[in-house]
Amino acid sequence: MIDFHPTVVGPGKLHADHLQEWFEAGAADGFWVTPDIYEDGIDAFVDEVVPILQERGIYPTEYPGRTLRANLGVPHHYGPDPRTGGGDQ
């Protein structure tokens, strides 16, 4: 049985282990992180989990580009995309 919405509760290492297990198994190539509703939820994740993943080499410490477009390797273009038929008007 697959749990599509697993919930991990515990210290940062436990979360990092869980994310790494899924990533290395090829079960995921990225994650949506939904921190708890408390004000420190995202801070705790960034301060405790991200450094562990960076130490393990599965989360980048630097990005090659200055923009999301550059980091994803998406070519820059202006106006309608001709592939959608919008460029013929």
C-alpha atoms as a PDB file:
ATOM      1  CA  MET A   1       0.000   0.000   0.000  1.00  0.00           C
ATOM      2  CA  ILE A   2       1.262   3.476  -0.859  1.00  0.00           C
ATOM      3  CA  ASP A   3       0.723   6.357   1.528  1.00  0.00           C
ATOM      4  CA  PHE A   4       0.498   9.381  -0.749  1.00  0.00           C
ATOM      5  CA  HIS A   5       0.455  11.786   2.187  1.00  0.00           C
ATOM      6  CA  PRO A   6       2.977  10.481   4.687  1.00  0.00           C
ATOM      7  CA  THR A   7       3.449  12.554   7.798  1.00  0.00           C
ATOM      8  CA  VAL A   8       6.719  12.625   9.652  1.00  0.00           C
ATOM      9  CA  VAL A   9       6.807  13.833  13.226  1.00  0.00           C
ATOM     10  CA  GLY A  10      10.057  14.246  15.081  1.00  0.00           C
ATOM     11  CA  PRO A  11      13.503  15.806  14.870  1.00  0.00           C
ATOM     12  CA  GLY A  12      15.037  17.178  11.677  1.00  0.00           C
ATOM     13  CA  LYS A  13      17.138  14.054  11.086  1.00  0.00           C
ATOM     14  CA  LEU A  14      13.988  11.924  10.911  1.00  0.00           C
ATOM     15  CA  HIS A  15      12.500  14.228   8.249  1.00  0.00           C
ATOM     16  CA  ALA A  16      15.761  14.268   6.281  1.00  0.00           C
ATOM     17  CA  ASP A  17      15.957  10.462   6.404  1.00  0.00           C
ATOM     18  CA  HIS A  18      12.398  10.185   5.086  1.00  0.00           C
ATOM     19  CA  LEU A  19      12.953  12.623   2.215  1.00  0.00           C
ATOM     20  CA  GLN A  20      16.251  10.979   1.300  1.00  0.00           C
ATOM     21  CA  GLU A  21      14.703   7.510   1.288  1.00  0.00           C
ATOM     22  CA  TRP A  22      11.980   8.559  -1.160  1.00  0.00           C
ATOM     23  CA  PHE A  23      14.412  10.517  -3.334  1.00  0.00           C
ATOM     24  CA  GLU A  24      16.995   7.726  -3.582  1.00  0.00           C
ATOM     25  CA  ALA A  25      14.304   5.124  -4.286  1.00  0.00           C
ATOM     26  CA  GLY A  26      13.232   7.161  -7.315  1.00  0.00           C
ATOM     27  CA  ALA A  27       9.809   7.614  -5.741  1.00  0.00           C
ATOM     28  CA  ALA A  28      10.073  11.413  -5.922  1.00  0.00           C
ATOM     29  CA  ASP A  29      12.123  14.048  -7.700  1.00  0.00           C
ATOM     30  CA  GLY A  30      10.879  16.887  -5.523  1.00  0.00           C
ATOM     31  CA  PHE A  31       8.614  17.604  -2.589  1.00  0.00           C
ATOM     32  CA  TRP A  32       5.898  19.961  -1.471  1.00  0.00           C
ATOM     33  CA  VAL A  33       6.625  20.895   2.112  1.00  0.00           C
ATOM     34  CA  THR A  34       3.683  21.875   4.257  1.00  0.00           C
ATOM     35  CA  PRO A  35       4.984  23.032   7.608  1.00  0.00           C
ATOM     36  CA  ASP A  36       2.782  22.990  10.660  1.00  0.00           C
ATOM     37  CA  ILE A  37       0.511  25.923  11.392  1.00  0.00           C
ATOM     38  CA  TYR A  38       2.727  27.329  14.103  1.00  0.00           C
ATOM     39  CA  GLU A  39       4.872  30.350  13.396  1.00  0.00           C
ATOM     40  CA  ASP A  40       8.157  28.425  13.556  1.00  0.00           C
ATOM     41  CA  GLY A  41       7.193  25.563  11.213  1.00  0.00           C
ATOM     42  CA  ILE A  42       9.061  26.653   8.109  1.00  0.00           C
ATOM     43  CA  ASP A  43      11.960  28.054  10.140  1.00  0.00           C
ATOM     44  CA  ALA A  44      12.408  24.719  11.892  1.00  0.00           C
ATOM     45  CA  PHE A  45      12.439  22.888   8.542  1.00  0.00           C
ATOM     46  CA  VAL A  46      14.915  25.301   6.964  1.00  0.00           C
ATOM     47  CA  ASP A  47      17.178  25.406  10.024  1.00  0.00           C
ATOM     48  CA  GLU A  48      17.105  21.702  10.888  1.00  0.00           C
ATOM     49  CA  VAL A  49      16.312  19.640   7.769  1.00  0.00           C
ATOM     50  CA  VAL A  50      17.830  21.584   4.875  1.00  0.00           C
ATOM     51  CA  PRO A  51      21.380  21.619   6.327  1.00  0.00           C
ATOM     52  CA  ILE A  52      21.252  17.837   6.818  1.00  0.00           C
ATOM     53  CA  LEU A  53      20.150  17.324   3.205  1.00  0.00           C
ATOM     54  CA  GLN A  54      22.905  19.695   2.041  1.00  0.00           C
ATOM     55  CA  GLU A  55      25.534  17.788   4.041  1.00  0.00           C
ATOM     56  CA  ARG A  56      24.339  14.587   2.391  1.00  0.00           C
ATOM     57  CA  GLY A  57      24.663  16.183  -1.053  1.00  0.00           C
ATOM     58  CA  ILE A  58      21.026  15.857  -2.056  1.00  0.00           C
ATOM     59  CA  TYR A  59      20.030  19.504  -1.708  1.00  0.00           C
ATOM     60  CA  PRO A  60      21.982  22.287  -3.410  1.00  0.00           C
ATOM     61  CA  THR A  61      24.004  24.816  -1.475  1.00  0.00           C
ATOM     62  CA  GLU A  62      24.309  27.138  -4.485  1.00  0.00           C
ATOM     63  CA  TYR A  63      22.459  27.728  -7.731  1.00  0.00           C
ATOM     64  CA  PRO A  64      24.131  28.487 -11.077  1.00  0.00           C
ATOM     65  CA  GLY A  65      21.701  31.219 -12.129  1.00  0.00           C
ATOM     66  CA  ARG A  66      20.165  34.298 -10.581  1.00  0.00           C
ATOM     67  CA  THR A  67      16.564  33.443 -11.520  1.00  0.00           C
ATOM     68  CA  LEU A  68      14.285  30.423 -11.317  1.00  0.00           C
ATOM     69  CA  ARG A  69      14.139  30.419 -15.136  1.00  0.00           C
ATOM     70  CA  ALA A  70      17.930  30.201 -15.346  1.00  0.00           C
ATOM     71  CA  ASN A  71      18.140  27.461 -12.720  1.00  0.00           C
ATOM     72  CA  LEU A  72      15.515  25.368 -14.503  1.00  0.00           C
ATOM     73  CA  GLY A  73      17.162  25.901 -17.894  1.00  0.00           C
ATOM     74  CA  VAL A  74      14.029  27.444 -19.407  1.00  0.00           C
ATOM     75  CA  PRO A  75      14.768  29.629 -22.449  1.00  0.00           C
ATOM     76  CA  HIS A  76      13.776  33.257 -22.208  1.00  0.00           C
ATOM     77  CA  HIS A  77      11.092  34.538 -24.582  1.00  0.00           C
ATOM     78  CA  TYR A  78       8.668  37.425 -24.857  1.00  0.00           C
ATOM     79  CA  GLY A  79       5.150  37.461 -26.234  1.00  0.00           C
ATOM     80  CA  PRO A  80       2.861  34.600 -27.173  1.00  0.00           C
ATOM     81  CA  ASP A  81       4.426  31.192 -27.578  1.00  0.00           C
ATOM     82  CA  PRO A  82       4.181  30.173 -31.247  1.00  0.00           C
ATOM     83  CA  ARG A  83       3.769  26.534 -30.222  1.00  0.00           C
ATOM     84  CA  THR A  84       0.298  27.342 -28.846  1.00  0.00           C
ATOM     85  CA  GLY A  85      -0.969  29.115 -31.968  1.00  0.00           C
ATOM     86  CA  GLY A  86      -0.856  32.462 -30.200  1.00  0.00           C
ATOM     87  CA  GLY A  87       2.038  33.675 -32.350  1.00  0.00           C
ATOM     88  CA  ASP A  88       0.034  33.643 -35.611  1.00  0.00           C
ATOM     89  CA  GLN A  89      -2.307  36.479 -34.705  1.00  0.00           C
END
